[in-house]
Amino acid sequence: MEKIAADERKVYVELPKFTGRNVKISEIAKATGKDPNYIRIGLQQGFLKFGTAIKMTGSSEYSYFCPDKKVWEETGYFKEPSEKDERVI
């Protein structure tokens, strides 16, 4: 069998089918074994990089956006969207 030079080798990986869905904080917490408040605070303080936390002016509550691709890149977690999730997108 012919040897292949190291720079000619290629790795092919099948990536998940990302939809851009917003992964719920509770889902991320369960997948990572962390408390949901840990996830929320990590997003608010910016040390968790798989999403964003935004606090609107005049509000005391945060809104969170954690796209499925970014969650997968940072944690390795991915779940195929359900029919319900697909209808929302």
C-alpha atoms as a PDB file:
ATOM      1  CA  MET A   1       0.000   0.000   0.000  1.00  0.00           C
ATOM      2  CA  GLU A   2       1.233   3.477  -0.875  1.00  0.00           C
ATOM      3  CA  LYS A   3       2.304   5.779   1.948  1.00  0.00           C
ATOM      4  CA  ILE A   4       0.621   9.174   2.114  1.00  0.00           C
ATOM      5  CA  ALA A   5       2.625  12.209   3.169  1.00  0.00           C
ATOM      6  CA  ALA A   6       1.454  13.785   6.433  1.00  0.00           C
ATOM      7  CA  ASP A   7       0.451  17.009   4.686  1.00  0.00           C
ATOM      8  CA  GLU A   8      -1.742  15.051   2.229  1.00  0.00           C
ATOM      9  CA  ARG A   9      -3.811  13.284   4.884  1.00  0.00           C
ATOM     10  CA  LYS A  10      -7.324  14.519   5.384  1.00  0.00           C
ATOM     11  CA  VAL A  11      -9.808  13.901   8.124  1.00  0.00           C
ATOM     12  CA  TYR A  12     -13.470  13.862   7.264  1.00  0.00           C
ATOM     13  CA  VAL A  13     -15.972  14.328  10.038  1.00  0.00           C
ATOM     14  CA  GLU A  14     -19.719  14.336   9.726  1.00  0.00           C
ATOM     15  CA  LEU A  15     -20.968  17.414  11.540  1.00  0.00           C
ATOM     16  CA  PRO A  16     -24.343  17.647  13.247  1.00  0.00           C
ATOM     17  CA  LYS A  17     -27.166  19.295  11.322  1.00  0.00           C
ATOM     18  CA  PHE A  18     -27.234  22.713  12.971  1.00  0.00           C
ATOM     19  CA  THR A  19     -30.407  24.777  12.746  1.00  0.00           C
ATOM     20  CA  GLY A  20     -29.460  27.798  14.833  1.00  0.00           C
ATOM     21  CA  ARG A  21     -32.019  26.862  17.455  1.00  0.00           C
ATOM     22  CA  ASN A  22     -31.696  28.491  20.852  1.00  0.00           C
ATOM     23  CA  VAL A  23     -30.694  25.722  23.279  1.00  0.00           C
ATOM     24  CA  LYS A  24     -32.480  26.133  26.605  1.00  0.00           C
ATOM     25  CA  ILE A  25     -30.433  26.935  29.702  1.00  0.00           C
ATOM     26  CA  SER A  26     -31.980  23.933  31.490  1.00  0.00           C
ATOM     27  CA  GLU A  27     -30.941  21.640  28.620  1.00  0.00           C
ATOM     28  CA  ILE A  28     -27.347  22.910  28.680  1.00  0.00           C
ATOM     29  CA  ALA A  29     -27.230  22.570  32.473  1.00  0.00           C
ATOM     30  CA  LYS A  30     -28.423  18.963  32.327  1.00  0.00           C
ATOM     31  CA  ALA A  31     -25.961  18.081  29.544  1.00  0.00           C
ATOM     32  CA  THR A  32     -22.993  19.609  31.364  1.00  0.00           C
ATOM     33  CA  GLY A  33     -23.946  18.543  34.882  1.00  0.00           C
ATOM     34  CA  LYS A  34     -24.005  22.155  36.076  1.00  0.00           C
ATOM     35  CA  ASP A  35     -26.699  24.106  37.889  1.00  0.00           C
ATOM     36  CA  PRO A  36     -28.815  26.334  35.595  1.00  0.00           C
ATOM     37  CA  ASN A  37     -27.804  29.372  37.684  1.00  0.00           C
ATOM     38  CA  TYR A  38     -24.135  28.565  37.023  1.00  0.00           C
ATOM     39  CA  ILE A  39     -24.868  28.622  33.274  1.00  0.00           C
ATOM     40  CA  ARG A  40     -26.815  31.897  33.524  1.00  0.00           C
ATOM     41  CA  ILE A  41     -24.136  33.653  35.599  1.00  0.00           C
ATOM     42  CA  GLY A  42     -21.381  32.319  33.336  1.00  0.00           C
ATOM     43  CA  LEU A  43     -23.123  33.799  30.307  1.00  0.00           C
ATOM     44  CA  GLN A  44     -23.798  37.090  32.109  1.00  0.00           C
ATOM     45  CA  GLN A  45     -20.163  37.431  33.188  1.00  0.00           C
ATOM     46  CA  GLY A  46     -18.825  36.257  29.826  1.00  0.00           C
ATOM     47  CA  PHE A  47     -16.724  33.315  30.984  1.00  0.00           C
ATOM     48  CA  LEU A  48     -18.981  30.827  29.181  1.00  0.00           C
ATOM     49  CA  LYS A  49     -18.573  31.472  25.465  1.00  0.00           C
ATOM     50  CA  PHE A  50     -21.408  29.446  23.914  1.00  0.00           C
ATOM     51  CA  GLY A  51     -24.052  32.145  24.140  1.00  0.00           C
ATOM     52  CA  THR A  52     -24.984  35.651  25.123  1.00  0.00           C
ATOM     53  CA  ALA A  53     -26.910  37.221  27.982  1.00  0.00           C
ATOM     54  CA  ILE A  54     -28.592  40.554  27.375  1.00  0.00           C
ATOM     55  CA  LYS A  55     -30.267  42.764  29.950  1.00  0.00           C
ATOM     56  CA  MET A  56     -32.561  45.333  28.412  1.00  0.00           C
ATOM     57  CA  THR A  57     -32.564  48.870  29.789  1.00  0.00           C
ATOM     58  CA  GLY A  58     -35.126  49.238  32.554  1.00  0.00           C
ATOM     59  CA  SER A  59     -35.484  45.488  33.042  1.00  0.00           C
ATOM     60  CA  SER A  60     -34.163  43.317  35.843  1.00  0.00           C
ATOM     61  CA  GLU A  61     -34.280  40.128  33.740  1.00  0.00           C
ATOM     62  CA  TYR A  62     -31.800  38.761  31.212  1.00  0.00           C
ATOM     63  CA  SER A  63     -32.544  37.161  27.863  1.00  0.00           C
ATOM     64  CA  TYR A  64     -30.253  34.340  26.721  1.00  0.00           C
ATOM     65  CA  PHE A  65     -29.315  33.137  23.263  1.00  0.00           C
ATOM     66  CA  CYS A  66     -27.284  29.940  22.942  1.00  0.00           C
ATOM     67  CA  PRO A  67     -27.203  28.742  19.311  1.00  0.00           C
ATOM     68  CA  ASP A  68     -26.867  24.981  18.891  1.00  0.00           C
ATOM     69  CA  LYS A  69     -23.644  25.207  16.860  1.00  0.00           C
ATOM     70  CA  LYS A  70     -21.843  27.354  19.440  1.00  0.00           C
ATOM     71  CA  VAL A  71     -23.012  25.094  22.303  1.00  0.00           C
ATOM     72  CA  TRP A  72     -21.648  22.074  20.395  1.00  0.00           C
ATOM     73  CA  GLU A  73     -18.328  23.801  19.628  1.00  0.00           C
ATOM     74  CA  GLU A  74     -17.767  24.752  23.277  1.00  0.00           C
ATOM     75  CA  THR A  75     -19.258  21.744  25.110  1.00  0.00           C
ATOM     76  CA  GLY A  76     -19.568  18.906  22.590  1.00  0.00           C
ATOM     77  CA  TYR A  77     -23.311  18.679  23.299  1.00  0.00           C
ATOM     78  CA  PHE A  78     -25.791  18.461  20.427  1.00  0.00           C
ATOM     79  CA  LYS A  79     -29.372  17.267  20.235  1.00  0.00           C
ATOM     80  CA  GLU A  80     -31.376  16.987  17.049  1.00  0.00           C
ATOM     81  CA  PRO A  81     -34.249  19.471  17.146  1.00  0.00           C
ATOM     82  CA  SER A  82     -37.680  18.008  17.782  1.00  0.00           C
ATOM     83  CA  GLU A  83     -40.647  18.724  15.524  1.00  0.00           C
ATOM     84  CA  LYS A  84     -41.757  21.342  18.047  1.00  0.00           C
ATOM     85  CA  ASP A  85     -38.347  23.055  17.860  1.00  0.00           C
ATOM     86  CA  GLU A  86     -38.422  23.038  14.052  1.00  0.00           C
ATOM     87  CA  ARG A  87     -41.825  24.751  13.984  1.00  0.00           C
ATOM     88  CA  VAL A  88     -40.504  27.588  16.153  1.00  0.00           C
ATOM     89  CA  ILE A  89     -37.512  28.341  13.910  1.00  0.00           C
END
